Amino acid sequence: FNGSTVLGNGPYIFAYDYKGAEVA
């Protein structure tokens, strides 16, 4: 409900994995 791409009708799963980097 807040922006991510999600699959399924319950239980839900993320469409993509999350692995990367944040620089600041």
mmCIF file of all heavy atoms, coordinates in Angstrom:
data_MODEL
# 
_entry.id   MODEL 
# 
loop_
_atom_site.group_PDB 
_atom_site.id 
_atom_site.type_symbol 
_atom_site.label_atom_id 
_atom_site.label_alt_id 
_atom_site.label_comp_id 
_atom_site.label_asym_id 
_atom_site.label_entity_id 
_atom_site.label_seq_id 
_atom_site.pdbx_PDB_ins_code 
_atom_site.Cartn_x 
_atom_site.Cartn_y 
_atom_site.Cartn_z 
_atom_site.occupancy 
_atom_site.B_iso_or_equiv 
_atom_site.pdbx_formal_charge 
_atom_site.auth_seq_id 
_atom_site.auth_comp_id 
_atom_site.auth_asym_id 
_atom_site.auth_atom_id 
_atom_site.pdbx_PDB_model_num 
ATOM 1   N N   . PHE A 1 1  ? 0.806  -1.213  0.000   1.00 0.00 ? 1  PHE A N   1 
ATOM 2   C CA  . PHE A 1 1  ? 0.000  0.000   0.000   1.00 0.00 ? 1  PHE A CA  1 
ATOM 3   C C   . PHE A 1 1  ? 0.846  1.273   0.000   1.00 0.00 ? 1  PHE A C   1 
ATOM 4   O O   . PHE A 1 1  ? 0.304  2.366   -0.017  1.00 0.00 ? 1  PHE A O   1 
ATOM 5   C CB  . PHE A 1 1  ? -0.920 0.012   1.231   1.00 0.00 ? 1  PHE A CB  1 
ATOM 6   C CG  . PHE A 1 1  ? -1.884 -1.129  1.255   1.00 0.00 ? 1  PHE A CG  1 
ATOM 7   C CD1 . PHE A 1 1  ? -1.709 -2.179  2.134   1.00 0.00 ? 1  PHE A CD1 1 
ATOM 8   C CD2 . PHE A 1 1  ? -2.954 -1.164  0.382   1.00 0.00 ? 1  PHE A CD2 1 
ATOM 9   C CE1 . PHE A 1 1  ? -2.602 -3.243  2.159   1.00 0.00 ? 1  PHE A CE1 1 
ATOM 10  C CE2 . PHE A 1 1  ? -3.845 -2.220  0.389   1.00 0.00 ? 1  PHE A CE2 1 
ATOM 11  C CZ  . PHE A 1 1  ? -3.669 -3.268  1.277   1.00 0.00 ? 1  PHE A CZ  1 
ATOM 12  N N   . ASN A 1 2  ? 2.153  1.130   0.067   1.00 0.00 ? 2  ASN A N   1 
ATOM 13  C CA  . ASN A 1 2  ? 2.999  2.313   0.226   1.00 0.00 ? 2  ASN A CA  1 
ATOM 14  C C   . ASN A 1 2  ? 4.075  2.443   -0.831  1.00 0.00 ? 2  ASN A C   1 
ATOM 15  O O   . ASN A 1 2  ? 5.015  3.207   -0.643  1.00 0.00 ? 2  ASN A O   1 
ATOM 16  C CB  . ASN A 1 2  ? 3.635  2.306   1.616   1.00 0.00 ? 2  ASN A CB  1 
ATOM 17  C CG  . ASN A 1 2  ? 2.609  2.536   2.702   1.00 0.00 ? 2  ASN A CG  1 
ATOM 18  O OD1 . ASN A 1 2  ? 2.013  3.590   2.808   1.00 0.00 ? 2  ASN A OD1 1 
ATOM 19  N ND2 . ASN A 1 2  ? 2.381  1.520   3.515   1.00 0.00 ? 2  ASN A ND2 1 
ATOM 20  N N   . GLY A 1 3  ? 3.972  1.683   -1.946  1.00 0.00 ? 3  GLY A N   1 
ATOM 21  C CA  . GLY A 1 3  ? 4.855  1.948   -3.063  1.00 0.00 ? 3  GLY A CA  1 
ATOM 22  C C   . GLY A 1 3  ? 5.554  0.772   -3.688  1.00 0.00 ? 3  GLY A C   1 
ATOM 23  O O   . GLY A 1 3  ? 5.873  0.813   -4.877  1.00 0.00 ? 3  GLY A O   1 
ATOM 24  N N   . SER A 1 4  ? 5.865  -0.292  -2.942  1.00 0.00 ? 4  SER A N   1 
ATOM 25  C CA  . SER A 1 4  ? 6.629  -1.408  -3.503  1.00 0.00 ? 4  SER A CA  1 
ATOM 26  C C   . SER A 1 4  ? 5.775  -2.269  -4.431  1.00 0.00 ? 4  SER A C   1 
ATOM 27  O O   . SER A 1 4  ? 4.554  -2.335  -4.291  1.00 0.00 ? 4  SER A O   1 
ATOM 28  C CB  . SER A 1 4  ? 7.190  -2.282  -2.379  1.00 0.00 ? 4  SER A CB  1 
ATOM 29  O OG  . SER A 1 4  ? 8.126  -1.572  -1.596  1.00 0.00 ? 4  SER A OG  1 
ATOM 30  N N   . THR A 1 5  ? 6.436  -2.953  -5.355  1.00 0.00 ? 5  THR A N   1 
ATOM 31  C CA  . THR A 1 5  ? 5.757  -3.899  -6.244  1.00 0.00 ? 5  THR A CA  1 
ATOM 32  C C   . THR A 1 5  ? 5.652  -5.244  -5.533  1.00 0.00 ? 5  THR A C   1 
ATOM 33  O O   . THR A 1 5  ? 6.668  -5.850  -5.171  1.00 0.00 ? 5  THR A O   1 
ATOM 34  C CB  . THR A 1 5  ? 6.530  -4.065  -7.558  1.00 0.00 ? 5  THR A CB  1 
ATOM 35  O OG1 . THR A 1 5  ? 6.740  -2.776  -8.154  1.00 0.00 ? 5  THR A OG1 1 
ATOM 36  C CG2 . THR A 1 5  ? 5.749  -4.948  -8.527  1.00 0.00 ? 5  THR A CG2 1 
ATOM 37  N N   . VAL A 1 6  ? 4.430  -5.709  -5.320  1.00 0.00 ? 6  VAL A N   1 
ATOM 38  C CA  . VAL A 1 6  ? 4.159  -6.901  -4.513  1.00 0.00 ? 6  VAL A CA  1 
ATOM 39  C C   . VAL A 1 6  ? 3.273  -7.849  -5.314  1.00 0.00 ? 6  VAL A C   1 
ATOM 40  O O   . VAL A 1 6  ? 2.381  -7.407  -6.045  1.00 0.00 ? 6  VAL A O   1 
ATOM 41  C CB  . VAL A 1 6  ? 3.482  -6.512  -3.179  1.00 0.00 ? 6  VAL A CB  1 
ATOM 42  C CG1 . VAL A 1 6  ? 3.035  -7.726  -2.400  1.00 0.00 ? 6  VAL A CG1 1 
ATOM 43  C CG2 . VAL A 1 6  ? 4.447  -5.683  -2.333  1.00 0.00 ? 6  VAL A CG2 1 
ATOM 44  N N   . LEU A 1 7  ? 3.498  -9.156  -5.165  1.00 0.00 ? 7  LEU A N   1 
ATOM 45  C CA  . LEU A 1 7  ? 2.730  -10.179 -5.867  1.00 0.00 ? 7  LEU A CA  1 
ATOM 46  C C   . LEU A 1 7  ? 1.869  -10.963 -4.889  1.00 0.00 ? 7  LEU A C   1 
ATOM 47  O O   . LEU A 1 7  ? 2.210  -11.082 -3.708  1.00 0.00 ? 7  LEU A O   1 
ATOM 48  C CB  . LEU A 1 7  ? 3.674  -11.147 -6.592  1.00 0.00 ? 7  LEU A CB  1 
ATOM 49  C CG  . LEU A 1 7  ? 4.667  -10.531 -7.579  1.00 0.00 ? 7  LEU A CG  1 
ATOM 50  C CD1 . LEU A 1 7  ? 5.582  -11.616 -8.137  1.00 0.00 ? 7  LEU A CD1 1 
ATOM 51  C CD2 . LEU A 1 7  ? 3.947  -9.795  -8.694  1.00 0.00 ? 7  LEU A CD2 1 
ATOM 52  N N   . GLY A 1 8  ? 0.765  -11.520 -5.382  1.00 0.00 ? 8  GLY A N   1 
ATOM 53  C CA  . GLY A 1 8  ? -0.075 -12.380 -4.565  1.00 0.00 ? 8  GLY A CA  1 
ATOM 54  C C   . GLY A 1 8  ? -1.308 -11.674 -4.053  1.00 0.00 ? 8  GLY A C   1 
ATOM 55  O O   . GLY A 1 8  ? -1.455 -10.450 -4.154  1.00 0.00 ? 8  GLY A O   1 
ATOM 56  N N   . ASN A 1 9  ? -2.214 -12.467 -3.467  1.00 0.00 ? 9  ASN A N   1 
ATOM 57  C CA  . ASN A 1 9  ? -3.441 -11.963 -2.857  1.00 0.00 ? 9  ASN A CA  1 
ATOM 58  C C   . ASN A 1 9  ? -3.520 -12.315 -1.388  1.00 0.00 ? 9  ASN A C   1 
ATOM 59  O O   . ASN A 1 9  ? -4.598 -12.323 -0.803  1.00 0.00 ? 9  ASN A O   1 
ATOM 60  C CB  . ASN A 1 9  ? -4.665 -12.522 -3.595  1.00 0.00 ? 9  ASN A CB  1 
ATOM 61  C CG  . ASN A 1 9  ? -4.740 -12.006 -5.018  1.00 0.00 ? 9  ASN A CG  1 
ATOM 62  O OD1 . ASN A 1 9  ? -4.641 -10.805 -5.251  1.00 0.00 ? 9  ASN A OD1 1 
ATOM 63  N ND2 . ASN A 1 9  ? -4.880 -12.914 -5.978  1.00 0.00 ? 9  ASN A ND2 1 
ATOM 64  N N   . GLY A 1 10 ? -2.406 -12.628 -0.781  1.00 0.00 ? 10 GLY A N   1 
ATOM 65  C CA  . GLY A 1 10 ? -2.331 -13.013 0.613   1.00 0.00 ? 10 GLY A CA  1 
ATOM 66  C C   . GLY A 1 10 ? -2.184 -14.517 0.759   1.00 0.00 ? 10 GLY A C   1 
ATOM 67  O O   . GLY A 1 10 ? -3.116 -15.237 0.409   1.00 0.00 ? 10 GLY A O   1 
ATOM 68  N N   . PRO A 1 11 ? -0.981 -14.975 1.220   1.00 0.00 ? 11 PRO A N   1 
ATOM 69  C CA  . PRO A 1 11 ? 0.152  -14.141 1.628   1.00 0.00 ? 11 PRO A CA  1 
ATOM 70  C C   . PRO A 1 11 ? 0.818  -13.459 0.433   1.00 0.00 ? 11 PRO A C   1 
ATOM 71  O O   . PRO A 1 11 ? 0.746  -13.946 -0.688  1.00 0.00 ? 11 PRO A O   1 
ATOM 72  C CB  . PRO A 1 11 ? 1.107  -15.133 2.297   1.00 0.00 ? 11 PRO A CB  1 
ATOM 73  C CG  . PRO A 1 11 ? 0.798  -16.440 1.652   1.00 0.00 ? 11 PRO A CG  1 
ATOM 74  C CD  . PRO A 1 11 ? -0.680 -16.426 1.378   1.00 0.00 ? 11 PRO A CD  1 
ATOM 75  N N   . TYR A 1 12 ? 1.454  -12.333 0.712   1.00 0.00 ? 12 TYR A N   1 
ATOM 76  C CA  . TYR A 1 12 ? 2.090  -11.536 -0.320  1.00 0.00 ? 12 TYR A CA  1 
ATOM 77  C C   . TYR A 1 12 ? 3.598  -11.779 -0.320  1.00 0.00 ? 12 TYR A C   1 
ATOM 78  O O   . TYR A 1 12 ? 4.187  -12.132 0.697   1.00 0.00 ? 12 TYR A O   1 
ATOM 79  C CB  . TYR A 1 12 ? 1.821  -10.046 -0.082  1.00 0.00 ? 12 TYR A CB  1 
ATOM 80  C CG  . TYR A 1 12 ? 0.366  -9.673  -0.137  1.00 0.00 ? 12 TYR A CG  1 
ATOM 81  C CD1 . TYR A 1 12 ? -0.404 -9.665  1.025   1.00 0.00 ? 12 TYR A CD1 1 
ATOM 82  C CD2 . TYR A 1 12 ? -0.234 -9.325  -1.334  1.00 0.00 ? 12 TYR A CD2 1 
ATOM 83  C CE1 . TYR A 1 12 ? -1.749 -9.315  0.983   1.00 0.00 ? 12 TYR A CE1 1 
ATOM 84  C CE2 . TYR A 1 12 ? -1.580 -8.976  -1.391  1.00 0.00 ? 12 TYR A CE2 1 
ATOM 85  C CZ  . TYR A 1 12 ? -2.332 -8.974  -0.225  1.00 0.00 ? 12 TYR A CZ  1 
ATOM 86  O OH  . TYR A 1 12 ? -3.664 -8.636  -0.278  1.00 0.00 ? 12 TYR A OH  1 
ATOM 87  N N   . ILE A 1 13 ? 4.217  -11.558 -1.490  1.00 0.00 ? 13 ILE A N   1 
ATOM 88  C CA  . ILE A 1 13 ? 5.668  -11.596 -1.590  1.00 0.00 ? 13 ILE A CA  1 
ATOM 89  C C   . ILE A 1 13 ? 6.113  -10.402 -2.430  1.00 0.00 ? 13 ILE A C   1 
ATOM 90  O O   . ILE A 1 13 ? 5.363  -9.891  -3.266  1.00 0.00 ? 13 ILE A O   1 
ATOM 91  C CB  . ILE A 1 13 ? 6.186  -12.907 -2.230  1.00 0.00 ? 13 ILE A CB  1 
ATOM 92  C CG1 . ILE A 1 13 ? 5.644  -13.053 -3.665  1.00 0.00 ? 13 ILE A CG1 1 
ATOM 93  C CG2 . ILE A 1 13 ? 5.840  -14.115 -1.378  1.00 0.00 ? 13 ILE A CG2 1 
ATOM 94  C CD1 . ILE A 1 13 ? 6.274  -14.213 -4.425  1.00 0.00 ? 13 ILE A CD1 1 
ATOM 95  N N   . PHE A 1 14 ? 7.344  -9.942  -2.194  1.00 0.00 ? 14 PHE A N   1 
ATOM 96  C CA  . PHE A 1 14 ? 7.895  -8.865  -2.998  1.00 0.00 ? 14 PHE A CA  1 
ATOM 97  C C   . PHE A 1 14 ? 8.218  -9.386  -4.400  1.00 0.00 ? 14 PHE A C   1 
ATOM 98  O O   . PHE A 1 14 ? 8.685  -10.513 -4.569  1.00 0.00 ? 14 PHE A O   1 
ATOM 99  C CB  . PHE A 1 14 ? 9.166  -8.308  -2.356  1.00 0.00 ? 14 PHE A CB  1 
ATOM 100 C CG  . PHE A 1 14 ? 8.914  -7.454  -1.153  1.00 0.00 ? 14 PHE A CG  1 
ATOM 101 C CD1 . PHE A 1 14 ? 9.117  -7.966  0.127   1.00 0.00 ? 14 PHE A CD1 1 
ATOM 102 C CD2 . PHE A 1 14 ? 8.488  -6.145  -1.284  1.00 0.00 ? 14 PHE A CD2 1 
ATOM 103 C CE1 . PHE A 1 14 ? 8.893  -7.191  1.244   1.00 0.00 ? 14 PHE A CE1 1 
ATOM 104 C CE2 . PHE A 1 14 ? 8.253  -5.358  -0.171  1.00 0.00 ? 14 PHE A CE2 1 
ATOM 105 C CZ  . PHE A 1 14 ? 8.456  -5.878  1.097   1.00 0.00 ? 14 PHE A CZ  1 
ATOM 106 N N   . ALA A 1 15 ? 7.987  -8.560  -5.405  1.00 0.00 ? 15 ALA A N   1 
ATOM 107 C CA  . ALA A 1 15 ? 8.291  -8.953  -6.783  1.00 0.00 ? 15 ALA A CA  1 
ATOM 108 C C   . ALA A 1 15 ? 9.798  -9.018  -7.012  1.00 0.00 ? 15 ALA A C   1 
ATOM 109 O O   . ALA A 1 15 ? 10.264 -9.780  -7.866  1.00 0.00 ? 15 ALA A O   1 
ATOM 110 C CB  . ALA A 1 15 ? 7.657  -7.967  -7.754  1.00 0.00 ? 15 ALA A CB  1 
ATOM 111 N N   . TYR A 1 16 ? 10.571 -8.227  -6.247  1.00 0.00 ? 16 TYR A N   1 
ATOM 112 C CA  . TYR A 1 16 ? 12.015 -8.178  -6.431  1.00 0.00 ? 16 TYR A CA  1 
ATOM 113 C C   . TYR A 1 16 ? 12.712 -8.314  -5.078  1.00 0.00 ? 16 TYR A C   1 
ATOM 114 O O   . TYR A 1 16 ? 12.169 -7.931  -4.035  1.00 0.00 ? 16 TYR A O   1 
ATOM 115 C CB  . TYR A 1 16 ? 12.437 -6.856  -7.093  1.00 0.00 ? 16 TYR A CB  1 
ATOM 116 C CG  . TYR A 1 16 ? 11.650 -6.536  -8.336  1.00 0.00 ? 16 TYR A CG  1 
ATOM 117 C CD1 . TYR A 1 16 ? 10.674 -5.538  -8.325  1.00 0.00 ? 16 TYR A CD1 1 
ATOM 118 C CD2 . TYR A 1 16 ? 11.865 -7.235  -9.521  1.00 0.00 ? 16 TYR A CD2 1 
ATOM 119 C CE1 . TYR A 1 16 ? 9.937  -5.248  -9.462  1.00 0.00 ? 16 TYR A CE1 1 
ATOM 120 C CE2 . TYR A 1 16 ? 11.130 -6.954  -10.661 1.00 0.00 ? 16 TYR A CE2 1 
ATOM 121 C CZ  . TYR A 1 16 ? 10.163 -5.966  -10.622 1.00 0.00 ? 16 TYR A CZ  1 
ATOM 122 O OH  . TYR A 1 16 ? 9.437  -5.691  -11.745 1.00 0.00 ? 16 TYR A OH  1 
ATOM 123 N N   . ASP A 1 17 ? 13.919 -8.860  -5.107  1.00 0.00 ? 17 ASP A N   1 
ATOM 124 C CA  . ASP A 1 17 ? 14.738 -8.901  -3.899  1.00 0.00 ? 17 ASP A CA  1 
ATOM 125 C C   . ASP A 1 17 ? 15.329 -7.524  -3.635  1.00 0.00 ? 17 ASP A C   1 
ATOM 126 O O   . ASP A 1 17 ? 15.276 -6.621  -4.485  1.00 0.00 ? 17 ASP A O   1 
ATOM 127 C CB  . ASP A 1 17 ? 15.856 -9.937  -4.056  1.00 0.00 ? 17 ASP A CB  1 
ATOM 128 C CG  . ASP A 1 17 ? 15.323 -11.356 -4.134  1.00 0.00 ? 17 ASP A CG  1 
ATOM 129 O OD1 . ASP A 1 17 ? 14.262 -11.619 -3.546  1.00 0.00 ? 17 ASP A OD1 1 
ATOM 130 O OD2 . ASP A 1 17 ? 15.972 -12.192 -4.791  1.00 0.00 ? 17 ASP A OD2 1 
ATOM 131 N N   . TYR A 1 18 ? 15.926 -7.367  -2.441  1.00 0.00 ? 18 TYR A N   1 
ATOM 132 C CA  . TYR A 1 18 ? 16.530 -6.089  -2.059  1.00 0.00 ? 18 TYR A CA  1 
ATOM 133 C C   . TYR A 1 18 ? 17.975 -6.332  -1.649  1.00 0.00 ? 18 TYR A C   1 
ATOM 134 O O   . TYR A 1 18 ? 18.263 -6.888  -0.594  1.00 0.00 ? 18 TYR A O   1 
ATOM 135 C CB  . TYR A 1 18 ? 15.742 -5.434  -0.925  1.00 0.00 ? 18 TYR A CB  1 
ATOM 136 C CG  . TYR A 1 18 ? 14.381 -4.948  -1.353  1.00 0.00 ? 18 TYR A CG  1 
ATOM 137 C CD1 . TYR A 1 18 ? 13.274 -5.777  -1.242  1.00 0.00 ? 18 TYR A CD1 1 
ATOM 138 C CD2 . TYR A 1 18 ? 14.219 -3.686  -1.912  1.00 0.00 ? 18 TYR A CD2 1 
ATOM 139 C CE1 . TYR A 1 18 ? 12.028 -5.348  -1.665  1.00 0.00 ? 18 TYR A CE1 1 
ATOM 140 C CE2 . TYR A 1 18 ? 12.969 -3.245  -2.338  1.00 0.00 ? 18 TYR A CE2 1 
ATOM 141 C CZ  . TYR A 1 18 ? 11.877 -4.085  -2.205  1.00 0.00 ? 18 TYR A CZ  1 
ATOM 142 O OH  . TYR A 1 18 ? 10.648 -3.659  -2.634  1.00 0.00 ? 18 TYR A OH  1 
ATOM 143 N N   . LYS A 1 19 ? 18.883 -5.919  -2.519  1.00 0.00 ? 19 LYS A N   1 
ATOM 144 C CA  . LYS A 1 19 ? 20.316 -6.025  -2.261  1.00 0.00 ? 19 LYS A CA  1 
ATOM 145 C C   . LYS A 1 19 ? 21.005 -4.912  -3.025  1.00 0.00 ? 19 LYS A C   1 
ATOM 146 O O   . LYS A 1 19 ? 20.821 -4.769  -4.233  1.00 0.00 ? 19 LYS A O   1 
ATOM 147 C CB  . LYS A 1 19 ? 20.856 -7.384  -2.720  1.00 0.00 ? 19 LYS A CB  1 
ATOM 148 C CG  . LYS A 1 19 ? 22.349 -7.559  -2.493  1.00 0.00 ? 19 LYS A CG  1 
ATOM 149 C CD  . LYS A 1 19 ? 22.831 -8.920  -3.000  1.00 0.00 ? 19 LYS A CD  1 
ATOM 150 C CE  . LYS A 1 19 ? 24.323 -9.084  -2.774  1.00 0.00 ? 19 LYS A CE  1 
ATOM 151 N NZ  . LYS A 1 19 ? 24.817 -10.397 -3.287  1.00 0.00 ? 19 LYS A NZ  1 
ATOM 152 N N   . GLY A 1 20 ? 21.795 -4.105  -2.333  1.00 0.00 ? 20 GLY A N   1 
ATOM 153 C CA  . GLY A 1 20 ? 22.434 -2.997  -3.011  1.00 0.00 ? 20 GLY A CA  1 
ATOM 154 C C   . GLY A 1 20 ? 23.271 -2.161  -2.071  1.00 0.00 ? 20 GLY A C   1 
ATOM 155 O O   . GLY A 1 20 ? 23.885 -2.680  -1.133  1.00 0.00 ? 20 GLY A O   1 
ATOM 156 N N   . ALA A 1 21 ? 23.277 -0.859  -2.306  1.00 0.00 ? 21 ALA A N   1 
ATOM 157 C CA  . ALA A 1 21 ? 24.117 0.043   -1.522  1.00 0.00 ? 21 ALA A CA  1 
ATOM 158 C C   . ALA A 1 21 ? 23.447 1.398   -1.377  1.00 0.00 ? 21 ALA A C   1 
ATOM 159 O O   . ALA A 1 21 ? 22.698 1.836   -2.254  1.00 0.00 ? 21 ALA A O   1 
ATOM 160 C CB  . ALA A 1 21 ? 25.488 0.203   -2.174  1.00 0.00 ? 21 ALA A CB  1 
ATOM 161 N N   . GLU A 1 22 ? 23.724 2.043   -0.257  1.00 0.00 ? 22 GLU A N   1 
ATOM 162 C CA  . GLU A 1 22 ? 23.304 3.428   -0.020  1.00 0.00 ? 22 GLU A CA  1 
ATOM 163 C C   . GLU A 1 22 ? 24.545 4.230   0.363   1.00 0.00 ? 22 GLU A C   1 
ATOM 164 O O   . GLU A 1 22 ? 25.300 3.832   1.245   1.00 0.00 ? 22 GLU A O   1 
ATOM 165 C CB  . GLU A 1 22 ? 22.261 3.507   1.092   1.00 0.00 ? 22 GLU A CB  1 
ATOM 166 C CG  . GLU A 1 22 ? 21.709 4.917   1.281   1.00 0.00 ? 22 GLU A CG  1 
ATOM 167 C CD  . GLU A 1 22 ? 20.594 4.977   2.317   1.00 0.00 ? 22 GLU A CD  1 
ATOM 168 O OE1 . GLU A 1 22 ? 20.781 4.398   3.407   1.00 0.00 ? 22 GLU A OE1 1 
ATOM 169 O OE2 . GLU A 1 22 ? 19.550 5.598   2.042   1.00 0.00 ? 22 GLU A OE2 1 
ATOM 170 N N   . VAL A 1 23 ? 24.756 5.340   -0.315  1.00 0.00 ? 23 VAL A N   1 
ATOM 171 C CA  . VAL A 1 23 ? 25.878 6.223   -0.012  1.00 0.00 ? 23 VAL A CA  1 
ATOM 172 C C   . VAL A 1 23 ? 25.338 7.577   0.409   1.00 0.00 ? 23 VAL A C   1 
ATOM 173 O O   . VAL A 1 23 ? 24.278 8.017   -0.066  1.00 0.00 ? 23 VAL A O   1 
ATOM 174 C CB  . VAL A 1 23 ? 26.831 6.373   -1.216  1.00 0.00 ? 23 VAL A CB  1 
ATOM 175 C CG1 . VAL A 1 23 ? 27.541 5.069   -1.504  1.00 0.00 ? 23 VAL A CG1 1 
ATOM 176 C CG2 . VAL A 1 23 ? 26.075 6.848   -2.452  1.00 0.00 ? 23 VAL A CG2 1 
ATOM 177 N N   . ALA A 1 24 ? 26.052 8.227   1.316   1.00 0.00 ? 24 ALA A N   1 
ATOM 178 C CA  . ALA A 1 24 ? 25.580 9.514   1.829   1.00 0.00 ? 24 ALA A CA  1 
ATOM 179 C C   . ALA A 1 24 ? 26.773 10.364  2.263   1.00 0.00 ? 24 ALA A C   1 
ATOM 180 O O   . ALA A 1 24 ? 27.847 9.843   2.579   1.00 0.00 ? 24 ALA A O   1 
ATOM 181 C CB  . ALA A 1 24 ? 24.631 9.311   3.015   1.00 0.00 ? 24 ALA A CB  1 
# 
